[in-house]
Amino acid sequence: MNIAIDAMGGDFAPEQIIKGVACALADFPDINKVLLVGDRDRVAAKLVEHGLADTDSRIELVHASQVVEMHEASKVAIRQKKDSTISVAAGLVKAGRADAVVSAGHTGAAVASTVVLNRMLPGIDRPGIASVFPAPKGPFTIVDIGANVDCKPLHLAQYAILGEAYSQMVLRVEKPRVGILSIGGEDEKGNELTKTAHKILSRLPLNFVGNVEGKDLFANGVDVVVCDGFVGNVVLKCCEGLAKAISGILKQNLKKSPVRMAGAFLSKNAFSELKEIIDHEEYGGAPLLGINGICIIAHGSSSAKAIRNAIRVSREMIRHQYNQYVAARIAGIDWKSVSAVS
């Protein structure tokens, strides 16, 4: 398998990207080649720093003269910066030189480039970004967290198929429970989007458990949650902000007295385990599901650990033939029948 990496994407590129690639190549010998896309001179210099320039034949440099900056519009990647790192990396997938692309750069540019150049899987109308969230008894997946903010009921049904396959292949959930994020657990609760999607999902060959309220997301009652990208992105950002707030409040209060500080010291192992569970870098990045290829979008502040794990996720999807499986699942469903909701 060959994986294209946007070497210039992210706050700490190319330093952390190169470190992450080095870790991935050491950990995953079945990766045939990593194609590092970026400024050839800068990337080559970093490879020398980390002793990879002449020692690993599995690394190939692919020059790209432009980078889509975070403040620029997504369409810039397609219309004005055709030689941007993300466009060149997505083009490598289209040309068959790479099986997947990993980028910690501009999310919108990654979505635009991969969709325009590689198109959608047959039977999938819109892409969805999946994100893995930690929970007490194991992680769950939400699709979509921002790729498609204006959804139709059929899109949510397709997200359910995409999310189920991801949960099975990457998170190793044997029979994922699928639910719709809504304002109540009853079938009739929600807006027209969720109520119509509920009827469609109930007819699909899925382990569908119905509506899921926000307060129950972390109760381990569901493995895959579908929603439109607007709602999903709000959930993601709220959870990120809440986690930071709780961490700050906890640290502040634990330092208020020597007794509390002593208690915190005695509980350090528990805090370390908690940090590992909620560490988003353990999950690598957010896969863009539904495209005719594999794209993993890592956080802009990704460290080497996150990049290594983003490569791991892309490797898992390639190994398990994720897209082939989804295409077969989609083709085997009579969508006209399941969509005939009265």
C-alpha atoms as a PDB file:
ATOM      1  CA  MET A   1       0.000   0.000   0.000  1.00  0.00           C
ATOM      2  CA  ASN A   2       1.106   3.547  -0.781  1.00  0.00           C
ATOM      3  CA  ILE A   3       0.051   6.558   1.304  1.00  0.00           C
ATOM      4  CA  ALA A   4       0.377  10.215   0.251  1.00  0.00           C
ATOM      5  CA  ILE A   5       1.136  12.661   3.071  1.00  0.00           C
ATOM      6  CA  ASP A   6       0.610  16.415   2.949  1.00  0.00           C
ATOM      7  CA  ALA A   7       4.023  17.279   4.407  1.00  0.00           C
ATOM      8  CA  MET A   8       3.273  21.001   4.699  1.00  0.00           C
ATOM      9  CA  GLY A   9      -0.170  20.761   6.309  1.00  0.00           C
ATOM     10  CA  GLY A  10      -0.648  21.667   9.961  1.00  0.00           C
ATOM     11  CA  ASP A  11       0.748  24.035  12.567  1.00  0.00           C
ATOM     12  CA  PHE A  12       3.944  22.036  13.097  1.00  0.00           C
ATOM     13  CA  ALA A  13       4.741  20.946   9.544  1.00  0.00           C
ATOM     14  CA  PRO A  14       6.993  19.597   8.252  1.00  0.00           C
ATOM     15  CA  GLU A  15       8.803  18.696  11.519  1.00  0.00           C
ATOM     16  CA  GLN A  16       6.014  16.715  13.205  1.00  0.00           C
ATOM     17  CA  ILE A  17       4.867  15.222   9.903  1.00  0.00           C
ATOM     18  CA  ILE A  18       8.308  13.718   9.275  1.00  0.00           C
ATOM     19  CA  LYS A  19       8.531  12.391  12.829  1.00  0.00           C
ATOM     20  CA  GLY A  20       5.103  10.811  12.497  1.00  0.00           C
ATOM     21  CA  VAL A  21       6.021   9.207   9.185  1.00  0.00           C
ATOM     22  CA  ALA A  22       9.208   7.796  10.709  1.00  0.00           C
ATOM     23  CA  CYS A  23       7.187   6.196  13.533  1.00  0.00           C
ATOM     24  CA  ALA A  24       4.606   4.779  11.123  1.00  0.00           C
ATOM     25  CA  LEU A  25       7.226   3.232   8.843  1.00  0.00           C
ATOM     26  CA  ALA A  26       8.878   1.598  11.847  1.00  0.00           C
ATOM     27  CA  ASP A  27       5.578   0.268  13.195  1.00  0.00           C
ATOM     28  CA  PHE A  28       3.928  -0.824   9.944  1.00  0.00           C
ATOM     29  CA  PRO A  29       6.266  -2.765   7.654  1.00  0.00           C
ATOM     30  CA  ASP A  30       3.418  -3.562   5.251  1.00  0.00           C
ATOM     31  CA  ILE A  31       3.362   0.061   4.044  1.00  0.00           C
ATOM     32  CA  ASN A  32       5.163  -0.081   0.716  1.00  0.00           C
ATOM     33  CA  LYS A  33       5.754   3.618   0.232  1.00  0.00           C
ATOM     34  CA  VAL A  34       4.992   6.996   1.761  1.00  0.00           C
ATOM     35  CA  LEU A  35       4.822   9.821  -0.745  1.00  0.00           C
ATOM     36  CA  LEU A  36       5.703  13.079   1.025  1.00  0.00           C
ATOM     37  CA  VAL A  37       4.120  16.005  -0.823  1.00  0.00           C
ATOM     38  CA  GLY A  38       5.562  19.460  -0.231  1.00  0.00           C
ATOM     39  CA  ASP A  39       8.468  21.802  -0.786  1.00  0.00           C
ATOM     40  CA  ARG A  40      11.184  19.405  -1.892  1.00  0.00           C
ATOM     41  CA  ASP A  41      14.101  21.281  -0.318  1.00  0.00           C
ATOM     42  CA  ARG A  42      12.435  21.822   3.077  1.00  0.00           C
ATOM     43  CA  VAL A  43      11.160  18.267   3.317  1.00  0.00           C
ATOM     44  CA  ALA A  44      14.490  16.794   2.188  1.00  0.00           C
ATOM     45  CA  ALA A  45      16.311  18.821   4.851  1.00  0.00           C
ATOM     46  CA  LYS A  46      14.019  17.463   7.565  1.00  0.00           C
ATOM     47  CA  LEU A  47      14.546  13.924   6.310  1.00  0.00           C
ATOM     48  CA  VAL A  48      18.290  14.397   6.672  1.00  0.00           C
ATOM     49  CA  GLU A  49      17.796  15.704  10.221  1.00  0.00           C
ATOM     50  CA  HIS A  50      15.946  12.530  11.163  1.00  0.00           C
ATOM     51  CA  GLY A  51      18.299  10.178   9.347  1.00  0.00           C
ATOM     52  CA  LEU A  52      15.784   9.080   6.731  1.00  0.00           C
ATOM     53  CA  ALA A  53      17.200  10.573   3.546  1.00  0.00           C
ATOM     54  CA  ASP A  54      19.326   7.659   2.397  1.00  0.00           C
ATOM     55  CA  THR A  55      18.156   4.839   4.596  1.00  0.00           C
ATOM     56  CA  ASP A  56      14.528   4.245   3.722  1.00  0.00           C
ATOM     57  CA  SER A  57      13.571   3.391   0.146  1.00  0.00           C
ATOM     58  CA  ARG A  58       9.921   3.532   1.215  1.00  0.00           C
ATOM     59  CA  ILE A  59       9.957   7.348   1.203  1.00  0.00           C
ATOM     60  CA  GLU A  60       9.415   9.303  -2.006  1.00  0.00           C
ATOM     61  CA  LEU A  61       9.369  13.082  -2.327  1.00  0.00           C
ATOM     62  CA  VAL A  62       6.732  14.682  -4.539  1.00  0.00           C
ATOM     63  CA  HIS A  63       7.228  18.400  -5.057  1.00  0.00           C
ATOM     64  CA  ALA A  64       4.347  20.845  -4.627  1.00  0.00           C
ATOM     65  CA  SER A  65       5.027  24.576  -4.788  1.00  0.00           C
ATOM     66  CA  GLN A  66       1.914  25.874  -2.981  1.00  0.00           C
ATOM     67  CA  VAL A  67       0.114  25.499   0.360  1.00  0.00           C
ATOM     68  CA  VAL A  68      -3.518  26.385   1.101  1.00  0.00           C
ATOM     69  CA  GLU A  69      -3.345  28.629   4.163  1.00  0.00           C
ATOM     70  CA  MET A  70      -5.867  28.276   6.978  1.00  0.00           C
ATOM     71  CA  HIS A  71      -7.443  31.683   6.329  1.00  0.00           C
ATOM     72  CA  GLU A  72      -8.065  30.986   2.640  1.00  0.00           C
ATOM     73  CA  ALA A  73     -11.350  29.741   1.170  1.00  0.00           C
ATOM     74  CA  SER A  74     -11.677  26.057   0.292  1.00  0.00           C
ATOM     75  CA  LYS A  75     -12.202  26.819  -3.398  1.00  0.00           C
ATOM     76  CA  VAL A  76      -8.691  28.315  -3.540  1.00  0.00           C
ATOM     77  CA  ALA A  77      -7.308  24.769  -3.508  1.00  0.00           C
ATOM     78  CA  ILE A  78      -9.195  23.947  -6.694  1.00  0.00           C
ATOM     79  CA  ARG A  79      -9.223  27.199  -8.633  1.00  0.00           C
ATOM     80  CA  GLN A  80      -6.107  29.162  -7.739  1.00  0.00           C
ATOM     81  CA  LYS A  81      -3.618  26.769  -6.155  1.00  0.00           C
ATOM     82  CA  LYS A  82      -3.654  23.744  -8.389  1.00  0.00           C
ATOM     83  CA  ASP A  83      -0.129  22.868  -7.256  1.00  0.00           C
ATOM     84  CA  SER A  84      -1.024  22.967  -3.559  1.00  0.00           C
ATOM     85  CA  THR A  85       0.151  20.092  -1.397  1.00  0.00           C
ATOM     86  CA  ILE A  86      -3.368  18.800  -0.750  1.00  0.00           C
ATOM     87  CA  SER A  87      -4.373  18.975  -4.429  1.00  0.00           C
ATOM     88  CA  VAL A  88      -1.205  17.171  -5.519  1.00  0.00           C
ATOM     89  CA  ALA A  89      -1.696  14.525  -2.810  1.00  0.00           C
ATOM     90  CA  ALA A  90      -5.329  13.973  -3.832  1.00  0.00           C
ATOM     91  CA  GLY A  91      -4.167  13.759  -7.445  1.00  0.00           C
ATOM     92  CA  LEU A  92      -1.806  10.916  -6.511  1.00  0.00           C
ATOM     93  CA  VAL A  93      -4.821   8.928  -5.291  1.00  0.00           C
ATOM     94  CA  LYS A  94      -6.708   9.689  -8.501  1.00  0.00           C
ATOM     95  CA  ALA A  95      -3.728   8.567 -10.590  1.00  0.00           C
ATOM     96  CA  GLY A  96      -3.471   5.313  -8.657  1.00  0.00           C
ATOM     97  CA  ARG A  97      -0.051   6.119  -7.234  1.00  0.00           C
ATOM     98  CA  ALA A  98      -1.439   6.291  -3.695  1.00  0.00           C
ATOM     99  CA  ASP A  99      -4.219   4.428  -1.923  1.00  0.00           C
ATOM    100  CA  ALA A 100      -4.864   7.157   0.643  1.00  0.00           C
ATOM    101  CA  VAL A 101      -4.028  10.725   1.553  1.00  0.00           C
ATOM    102  CA  VAL A 102      -3.359  12.121   5.039  1.00  0.00           C
ATOM    103  CA  SER A 103      -3.398  15.861   5.760  1.00  0.00           C
ATOM    104  CA  ALA A 104      -3.318  18.051   8.872  1.00  0.00           C
ATOM    105  CA  GLY A 105      -3.854  21.144   6.750  1.00  0.00           C
ATOM    106  CA  HIS A 106      -6.942  23.079   5.664  1.00  0.00           C
ATOM    107  CA  THR A 107      -9.990  20.834   6.233  1.00  0.00           C
ATOM    108  CA  GLY A 108     -12.167  22.497   3.619  1.00  0.00           C
ATOM    109  CA  ALA A 109      -9.404  22.281   1.027  1.00  0.00           C
ATOM    110  CA  ALA A 110      -8.913  18.591   1.805  1.00  0.00           C
ATOM    111  CA  VAL A 111     -12.622  17.930   1.315  1.00  0.00           C
ATOM    112  CA  ALA A 112     -12.849  20.015  -1.871  1.00  0.00           C
ATOM    113  CA  SER A 113      -9.730  18.560  -3.477  1.00  0.00           C
ATOM    114  CA  THR A 114     -10.467  14.918  -2.769  1.00  0.00           C
ATOM    115  CA  VAL A 115     -14.126  15.168  -3.790  1.00  0.00           C
ATOM    116  CA  VAL A 116     -13.451  17.085  -7.020  1.00  0.00           C
ATOM    117  CA  LEU A 117     -10.502  14.931  -8.093  1.00  0.00           C
ATOM    118  CA  ASN A 118     -11.674  11.504  -6.915  1.00  0.00           C
ATOM    119  CA  ARG A 119     -15.464  11.857  -6.920  1.00  0.00           C
ATOM    120  CA  MET A 120     -17.867   9.864  -4.754  1.00  0.00           C
ATOM    121  CA  LEU A 121     -18.341   6.137  -4.372  1.00  0.00           C
ATOM    122  CA  PRO A 122     -21.226   4.802  -6.514  1.00  0.00           C
ATOM    123  CA  GLY A 123     -24.487   5.339  -4.655  1.00  0.00           C
ATOM    124  CA  ILE A 124     -23.100   7.931  -2.221  1.00  0.00           C
ATOM    125  CA  ASP A 125     -24.343  11.480  -2.788  1.00  0.00           C
ATOM    126  CA  ARG A 126     -22.366  13.515  -0.249  1.00  0.00           C
ATOM    127  CA  PRO A 127     -19.201  12.897   1.776  1.00  0.00           C
ATOM    128  CA  GLY A 128     -19.273  12.816   5.557  1.00  0.00           C
ATOM    129  CA  ILE A 129     -16.470  13.430   8.046  1.00  0.00           C
ATOM    130  CA  ALA A 130     -16.405  10.900  10.871  1.00  0.00           C
ATOM    131  CA  SER A 131     -15.034  11.639  14.324  1.00  0.00           C
ATOM    132  CA  VAL A 132     -14.363   9.174  17.130  1.00  0.00           C
ATOM    133  CA  PHE A 133     -15.404  10.172  20.644  1.00  0.00           C
ATOM    134  CA  PRO A 134     -14.250   8.476  23.858  1.00  0.00           C
ATOM    135  CA  ALA A 135     -16.786   6.897  26.220  1.00  0.00           C
ATOM    136  CA  PRO A 136     -16.492   4.865  29.448  1.00  0.00           C
ATOM    137  CA  LYS A 137     -16.884   1.450  27.819  1.00  0.00           C
ATOM    138  CA  GLY A 138     -15.398   2.220  24.420  1.00  0.00           C
ATOM    139  CA  PRO A 139     -15.402   4.887  21.705  1.00  0.00           C
ATOM    140  CA  PHE A 140     -18.266   5.751  19.352  1.00  0.00           C
ATOM    141  CA  THR A 141     -18.352   7.476  15.967  1.00  0.00           C
ATOM    142  CA  ILE A 142     -20.314  10.509  14.761  1.00  0.00           C
ATOM    143  CA  VAL A 143     -20.945  11.149  11.049  1.00  0.00           C
ATOM    144  CA  ASP A 144     -21.020  13.995   9.855  1.00  0.00           C
ATOM    145  CA  ILE A 145     -19.035  16.638  11.743  1.00  0.00           C
ATOM    146  CA  GLY A 146     -18.846  19.298   9.054  1.00  0.00           C
ATOM    147  CA  ALA A 147     -18.538  18.178   5.443  1.00  0.00           C
ATOM    148  CA  ASN A 148     -22.243  18.525   4.602  1.00  0.00           C
ATOM    149  CA  VAL A 149     -24.144  21.070   6.695  1.00  0.00           C
ATOM    150  CA  ASP A 150     -27.412  20.879   4.721  1.00  0.00           C
ATOM    151  CA  CYS A 151     -28.458  17.235   4.631  1.00  0.00           C
ATOM    152  CA  LYS A 152     -31.358  15.309   3.210  1.00  0.00           C
ATOM    153  CA  PRO A 153     -32.742  12.199   4.955  1.00  0.00           C
ATOM    154  CA  LEU A 154     -31.111   9.945   2.367  1.00  0.00           C
ATOM    155  CA  HIS A 155     -27.708  11.433   3.217  1.00  0.00           C
ATOM    156  CA  LEU A 156     -28.124  10.407   6.852  1.00  0.00           C
ATOM    157  CA  ALA A 157     -29.038   6.897   5.732  1.00  0.00           C
ATOM    158  CA  GLN A 158     -25.879   6.727   3.644  1.00  0.00           C
ATOM    159  CA  TYR A 159     -23.844   8.035   6.604  1.00  0.00           C
ATOM    160  CA  ALA A 160     -25.206   5.148   8.637  1.00  0.00           C
ATOM    161  CA  ILE A 161     -23.752   2.641   6.159  1.00  0.00           C
ATOM    162  CA  LEU A 162     -20.448   4.534   6.023  1.00  0.00           C
ATOM    163  CA  GLY A 163     -20.208   4.851   9.810  1.00  0.00           C
ATOM    164  CA  GLU A 164     -21.169   1.232  10.439  1.00  0.00           C
ATOM    165  CA  ALA A 165     -18.385  -0.002   8.145  1.00  0.00           C
ATOM    166  CA  TYR A 166     -15.842   2.307   9.793  1.00  0.00           C
ATOM    167  CA  SER A 167     -16.866   1.148  13.267  1.00  0.00           C
ATOM    168  CA  GLN A 168     -16.492  -2.480  12.226  1.00  0.00           C
ATOM    169  CA  MET A 169     -13.165  -2.193  10.418  1.00  0.00           C
ATOM    170  CA  VAL A 170     -11.247   0.389  12.439  1.00  0.00           C
ATOM    171  CA  LEU A 171     -12.816   0.263  15.909  1.00  0.00           C
ATOM    172  CA  ARG A 172     -13.463  -3.510  15.705  1.00  0.00           C
ATOM    173  CA  VAL A 173     -17.121  -3.352  16.770  1.00  0.00           C
ATOM    174  CA  GLU A 174     -18.733  -6.571  15.585  1.00  0.00           C
ATOM    175  CA  LYS A 175     -22.315  -5.344  15.198  1.00  0.00           C
ATOM    176  CA  PRO A 176     -22.418  -1.548  15.592  1.00  0.00           C
ATOM    177  CA  ARG A 177     -25.542   0.006  17.068  1.00  0.00           C
ATOM    178  CA  VAL A 178     -26.624   2.931  14.895  1.00  0.00           C
ATOM    179  CA  GLY A 179     -28.700   5.904  16.030  1.00  0.00           C
ATOM    180  CA  ILE A 180     -29.841   9.356  14.908  1.00  0.00           C
ATOM    181  CA  LEU A 181     -28.939  12.368  17.032  1.00  0.00           C
ATOM    182  CA  SER A 182     -32.209  14.043  17.969  1.00  0.00           C
ATOM    183  CA  ILE A 183     -34.010  15.972  20.711  1.00  0.00           C
ATOM    184  CA  GLY A 184     -35.835  12.965  22.156  1.00  0.00           C
ATOM    185  CA  GLY A 185     -35.698   9.200  22.229  1.00  0.00           C
ATOM    186  CA  GLU A 186     -39.210   8.712  20.842  1.00  0.00           C
ATOM    187  CA  ASP A 187     -39.662   8.051  17.111  1.00  0.00           C
ATOM    188  CA  GLU A 188     -41.852  11.114  16.604  1.00  0.00           C
ATOM    189  CA  LYS A 189     -39.362  13.542  18.207  1.00  0.00           C
ATOM    190  CA  GLY A 190     -37.115  15.735  16.056  1.00  0.00           C
ATOM    191  CA  ASN A 191     -37.397  17.846  12.921  1.00  0.00           C
ATOM    192  CA  GLU A 192     -38.476  16.723   9.461  1.00  0.00           C
ATOM    193  CA  LEU A 193     -34.928  15.651   8.605  1.00  0.00           C
ATOM    194  CA  THR A 194     -34.513  13.322  11.580  1.00  0.00           C
ATOM    195  CA  LYS A 195     -38.079  11.967  11.513  1.00  0.00           C
ATOM    196  CA  THR A 196     -37.900  11.063   7.827  1.00  0.00           C
ATOM    197  CA  ALA A 197     -34.384   9.657   8.196  1.00  0.00           C
ATOM    198  CA  HIS A 198     -35.642   7.537  11.112  1.00  0.00           C
ATOM    199  CA  LYS A 199     -38.207   5.872   8.826  1.00  0.00           C
ATOM    200  CA  ILE A 200     -35.577   5.165   6.170  1.00  0.00           C
ATOM    201  CA  LEU A 201     -33.007   3.811   8.624  1.00  0.00           C
ATOM    202  CA  SER A 202     -35.580   1.495  10.192  1.00  0.00           C
ATOM    203  CA  ARG A 203     -35.871  -0.234   6.798  1.00  0.00           C
ATOM    204  CA  LEU A 204     -32.145  -0.705   6.255  1.00  0.00           C
ATOM    205  CA  PRO A 205     -30.208  -3.879   7.136  1.00  0.00           C
ATOM    206  CA  LEU A 206     -28.610  -2.204  10.156  1.00  0.00           C
ATOM    207  CA  ASN A 207     -28.602  -2.630  13.913  1.00  0.00           C
ATOM    208  CA  PHE A 208     -30.664   0.548  14.181  1.00  0.00           C
ATOM    209  CA  VAL A 209     -31.570   1.619  17.749  1.00  0.00           C
ATOM    210  CA  GLY A 210     -33.535   4.789  16.921  1.00  0.00           C
ATOM    211  CA  ASN A 211     -33.071   8.323  18.229  1.00  0.00           C
ATOM    212  CA  VAL A 212     -30.244   9.272  20.572  1.00  0.00           C
ATOM    213  CA  GLU A 213     -30.373  12.382  22.751  1.00  0.00           C
ATOM    214  CA  GLY A 214     -27.288  14.492  23.363  1.00  0.00           C
ATOM    215  CA  LYS A 215     -27.246  13.550  27.048  1.00  0.00           C
ATOM    216  CA  ASP A 216     -26.982   9.865  26.124  1.00  0.00           C
ATOM    217  CA  LEU A 217     -24.120  10.118  23.633  1.00  0.00           C
ATOM    218  CA  PHE A 218     -21.510   9.041  26.168  1.00  0.00           C
ATOM    219  CA  ALA A 219     -23.644   6.368  27.844  1.00  0.00           C
ATOM    220  CA  ASN A 220     -22.388   3.624  25.481  1.00  0.00           C
ATOM    221  CA  GLY A 221     -25.863   2.944  24.141  1.00  0.00           C
ATOM    222  CA  VAL A 222     -24.781   3.474  20.547  1.00  0.00           C
ATOM    223  CA  ASP A 223     -21.664   2.919  18.390  1.00  0.00           C
ATOM    224  CA  VAL A 224     -22.485   5.117  15.384  1.00  0.00           C
ATOM    225  CA  VAL A 225     -24.428   8.391  15.495  1.00  0.00           C
ATOM    226  CA  VAL A 226     -25.592  10.143  12.329  1.00  0.00           C
ATOM    227  CA  CYS A 227     -26.502  13.812  12.012  1.00  0.00           C
ATOM    228  CA  ASP A 228     -26.091  16.699   9.587  1.00  0.00           C
ATOM    229  CA  GLY A 229     -22.689  18.395   9.486  1.00  0.00           C
ATOM    230  CA  PHE A 230     -23.960  21.578  11.130  1.00  0.00           C
ATOM    231  CA  VAL A 231     -25.160  19.774  14.263  1.00  0.00           C
ATOM    232  CA  GLY A 232     -22.172  17.408  14.257  1.00  0.00           C
ATOM    233  CA  ASN A 233     -19.671  20.245  14.137  1.00  0.00           C
ATOM    234  CA  VAL A 234     -21.398  22.044  17.011  1.00  0.00           C
ATOM    235  CA  VAL A 235     -21.257  18.829  19.073  1.00  0.00           C
ATOM    236  CA  LEU A 236     -17.561  18.393  18.272  1.00  0.00           C
ATOM    237  CA  LYS A 237     -16.589  21.956  19.177  1.00  0.00           C
ATOM    238  CA  CYS A 238     -18.706  21.933  22.351  1.00  0.00           C
ATOM    239  CA  CYS A 239     -17.069  18.711  23.503  1.00  0.00           C
ATOM    240  CA  GLU A 240     -13.587  20.078  22.783  1.00  0.00           C
ATOM    241  CA  GLY A 241     -14.330  23.284  24.695  1.00  0.00           C
ATOM    242  CA  LEU A 242     -15.921  21.444  27.615  1.00  0.00           C
ATOM    243  CA  ALA A 243     -12.964  19.072  27.931  1.00  0.00           C
ATOM    244  CA  LYS A 244     -10.538  22.008  28.097  1.00  0.00           C
ATOM    245  CA  ALA A 245     -12.722  23.845  30.614  1.00  0.00           C
ATOM    246  CA  ILE A 246     -13.041  20.844  32.916  1.00  0.00           C
ATOM    247  CA  SER A 247      -9.302  20.198  32.727  1.00  0.00           C
ATOM    248  CA  GLY A 248      -8.545  23.803  33.647  1.00  0.00           C
ATOM    249  CA  ILE A 249     -11.045  23.883  36.523  1.00  0.00           C
ATOM    250  CA  LEU A 250      -9.747  20.570  37.883  1.00  0.00           C
ATOM    251  CA  LYS A 251      -6.111  21.726  37.832  1.00  0.00           C
ATOM    252  CA  GLN A 252      -7.023  25.020  39.466  1.00  0.00           C
ATOM    253  CA  ASN A 253      -8.959  23.379  42.308  1.00  0.00           C
ATOM    254  CA  LEU A 254      -6.426  20.619  42.941  1.00  0.00           C
ATOM    255  CA  LYS A 255      -3.799  23.285  43.677  1.00  0.00           C
ATOM    256  CA  LYS A 256      -5.848  25.054  46.349  1.00  0.00           C
ATOM    257  CA  SER A 257      -4.357  23.179  49.306  1.00  0.00           C
ATOM    258  CA  PRO A 258      -1.474  20.818  50.170  1.00  0.00           C
ATOM    259  CA  VAL A 259      -3.981  18.067  50.985  1.00  0.00           C
ATOM    260  CA  ARG A 260      -5.569  18.301  47.544  1.00  0.00           C
ATOM    261  CA  MET A 261      -2.153  18.351  45.875  1.00  0.00           C
ATOM    262  CA  ALA A 262      -1.183  15.231  47.806  1.00  0.00           C
ATOM    263  CA  GLY A 263      -4.408  13.553  46.724  1.00  0.00           C
ATOM    264  CA  ALA A 264      -3.716  14.510  43.113  1.00  0.00           C
ATOM    265  CA  PHE A 265      -0.221  13.000  43.372  1.00  0.00           C
ATOM    266  CA  LEU A 266      -1.641   9.738  44.728  1.00  0.00           C
ATOM    267  CA  SER A 267      -4.171   9.691  41.860  1.00  0.00           C
ATOM    268  CA  LYS A 268      -1.669  10.455  39.095  1.00  0.00           C
ATOM    269  CA  ASN A 269      -2.012   6.994  37.538  1.00  0.00           C
ATOM    270  CA  ALA A 270      -5.777   7.446  37.270  1.00  0.00           C
ATOM    271  CA  PHE A 271      -5.293  10.880  35.691  1.00  0.00           C
ATOM    272  CA  SER A 272      -2.784   9.396  33.216  1.00  0.00           C
ATOM    273  CA  GLU A 273      -5.267   6.713  32.199  1.00  0.00           C
ATOM    274  CA  LEU A 274      -8.000   9.319  31.767  1.00  0.00           C
ATOM    275  CA  LYS A 275      -5.731  11.472  29.615  1.00  0.00           C
ATOM    276  CA  GLU A 276      -4.987   8.496  27.376  1.00  0.00           C
ATOM    277  CA  ILE A 277      -8.685   7.687  26.975  1.00  0.00           C
ATOM    278  CA  ILE A 278      -9.701  11.219  25.977  1.00  0.00           C
ATOM    279  CA  ASP A 279      -6.588  11.995  23.909  1.00  0.00           C
ATOM    280  CA  HIS A 280      -7.836  12.732  20.385  1.00  0.00           C
ATOM    281  CA  GLU A 281      -4.383  11.981  19.009  1.00  0.00           C
ATOM    282  CA  GLU A 282      -4.936   8.297  19.812  1.00  0.00           C
ATOM    283  CA  TYR A 283      -7.540   8.237  17.027  1.00  0.00           C
ATOM    284  CA  GLY A 284      -5.260   9.933  14.493  1.00  0.00           C
ATOM    285  CA  GLY A 285      -7.674  11.974  12.472  1.00  0.00           C
ATOM    286  CA  ALA A 286     -11.139  12.232  10.976  1.00  0.00           C
ATOM    287  CA  PRO A 287     -11.764  10.100   7.889  1.00  0.00           C
ATOM    288  CA  LEU A 288     -13.634  11.694   5.004  1.00  0.00           C
ATOM    289  CA  LEU A 289     -16.067   8.893   4.194  1.00  0.00           C
ATOM    290  CA  GLY A 290     -17.866   8.275   0.925  1.00  0.00           C
ATOM    291  CA  ILE A 291     -15.211   9.416  -1.541  1.00  0.00           C
ATOM    292  CA  ASN A 292     -13.681   7.151  -4.152  1.00  0.00           C
ATOM    293  CA  GLY A 293     -10.452   6.913  -2.205  1.00  0.00           C
ATOM    294  CA  ILE A 294      -9.322   7.300   1.377  1.00  0.00           C
ATOM    295  CA  CYS A 295      -8.650  10.645   3.041  1.00  0.00           C
ATOM    296  CA  ILE A 296      -7.759  11.179   6.698  1.00  0.00           C
ATOM    297  CA  ILE A 297      -8.001  14.752   7.969  1.00  0.00           C
ATOM    298  CA  ALA A 298      -5.811  15.244  11.038  1.00  0.00           C
ATOM    299  CA  HIS A 299      -6.113  18.131  13.504  1.00  0.00           C
ATOM    300  CA  GLY A 300      -4.156  21.243  12.592  1.00  0.00           C
ATOM    301  CA  SER A 301      -2.121  21.006  15.790  1.00  0.00           C
ATOM    302  CA  SER A 302      -1.261  17.352  15.238  1.00  0.00           C
ATOM    303  CA  SER A 303       1.909  16.012  16.806  1.00  0.00           C
ATOM    304  CA  ALA A 304       3.994  13.145  15.447  1.00  0.00           C
ATOM    305  CA  LYS A 305       1.826  10.767  17.477  1.00  0.00           C
ATOM    306  CA  ALA A 306      -1.347  11.985  15.767  1.00  0.00           C
ATOM    307  CA  ILE A 307       0.213  11.741  12.301  1.00  0.00           C
ATOM    308  CA  ARG A 308       1.420   8.218  13.040  1.00  0.00           C
ATOM    309  CA  ASN A 309      -2.093   7.241  14.102  1.00  0.00           C
ATOM    310  CA  ALA A 310      -3.689   8.959  11.103  1.00  0.00           C
ATOM    311  CA  ILE A 311      -1.474   6.803   8.904  1.00  0.00           C
ATOM    312  CA  ARG A 312      -2.505   3.777  10.998  1.00  0.00           C
ATOM    313  CA  VAL A 313      -6.192   4.503  10.358  1.00  0.00           C
ATOM    314  CA  SER A 314      -5.651   4.880   6.604  1.00  0.00           C
ATOM    315  CA  ARG A 315      -3.714   1.599   6.648  1.00  0.00           C
ATOM    316  CA  GLU A 316      -6.596  -0.169   8.417  1.00  0.00           C
ATOM    317  CA  MET A 317      -9.101   1.106   5.862  1.00  0.00           C
ATOM    318  CA  ILE A 318      -6.889  -0.018   2.984  1.00  0.00           C
ATOM    319  CA  ARG A 319      -6.228  -3.453   4.514  1.00  0.00           C
ATOM    320  CA  HIS A 320      -9.915  -4.114   5.128  1.00  0.00           C
ATOM    321  CA  GLN A 321     -10.912  -2.793   1.686  1.00  0.00           C
ATOM    322  CA  TYR A 322     -13.264  -0.280   3.245  1.00  0.00           C
ATOM    323  CA  ASN A 323     -14.451   1.344   0.019  1.00  0.00           C
ATOM    324  CA  GLN A 324     -15.056  -1.965  -1.732  1.00  0.00           C
ATOM    325  CA  TYR A 325     -17.131  -3.166   1.216  1.00  0.00           C
ATOM    326  CA  VAL A 326     -19.205   0.024   1.342  1.00  0.00           C
ATOM    327  CA  ALA A 327     -19.792  -0.019  -2.419  1.00  0.00           C
ATOM    328  CA  ALA A 328     -21.090  -3.595  -2.197  1.00  0.00           C
ATOM    329  CA  ARG A 329     -23.353  -2.704   0.760  1.00  0.00           C
ATOM    330  CA  ILE A 330     -24.788   0.319  -1.038  1.00  0.00           C
ATOM    331  CA  ALA A 331     -25.357  -1.638  -4.259  1.00  0.00           C
ATOM    332  CA  GLY A 332     -27.217  -4.369  -2.371  1.00  0.00           C
ATOM    333  CA  ILE A 333     -29.886  -2.018  -1.000  1.00  0.00           C
ATOM    334  CA  ASP A 334     -33.119  -1.187  -2.835  1.00  0.00           C
ATOM    335  CA  TRP A 335     -32.919   2.542  -2.149  1.00  0.00           C
ATOM    336  CA  LYS A 336     -36.124   3.332  -4.036  1.00  0.00           C
ATOM    337  CA  SER A 337     -38.040   1.011  -1.743  1.00  0.00           C
ATOM    338  CA  VAL A 338     -36.499   2.135   1.557  1.00  0.00           C
ATOM    339  CA  SER A 339     -36.847   5.811   0.591  1.00  0.00           C
ATOM    340  CA  ALA A 340     -40.578   5.507  -0.189  1.00  0.00           C
ATOM    341  CA  VAL A 341     -41.578   7.047   3.124  1.00  0.00           C
ATOM    342  CA  SER A 342     -45.204   8.062   3.499  1.00  0.00           C
END
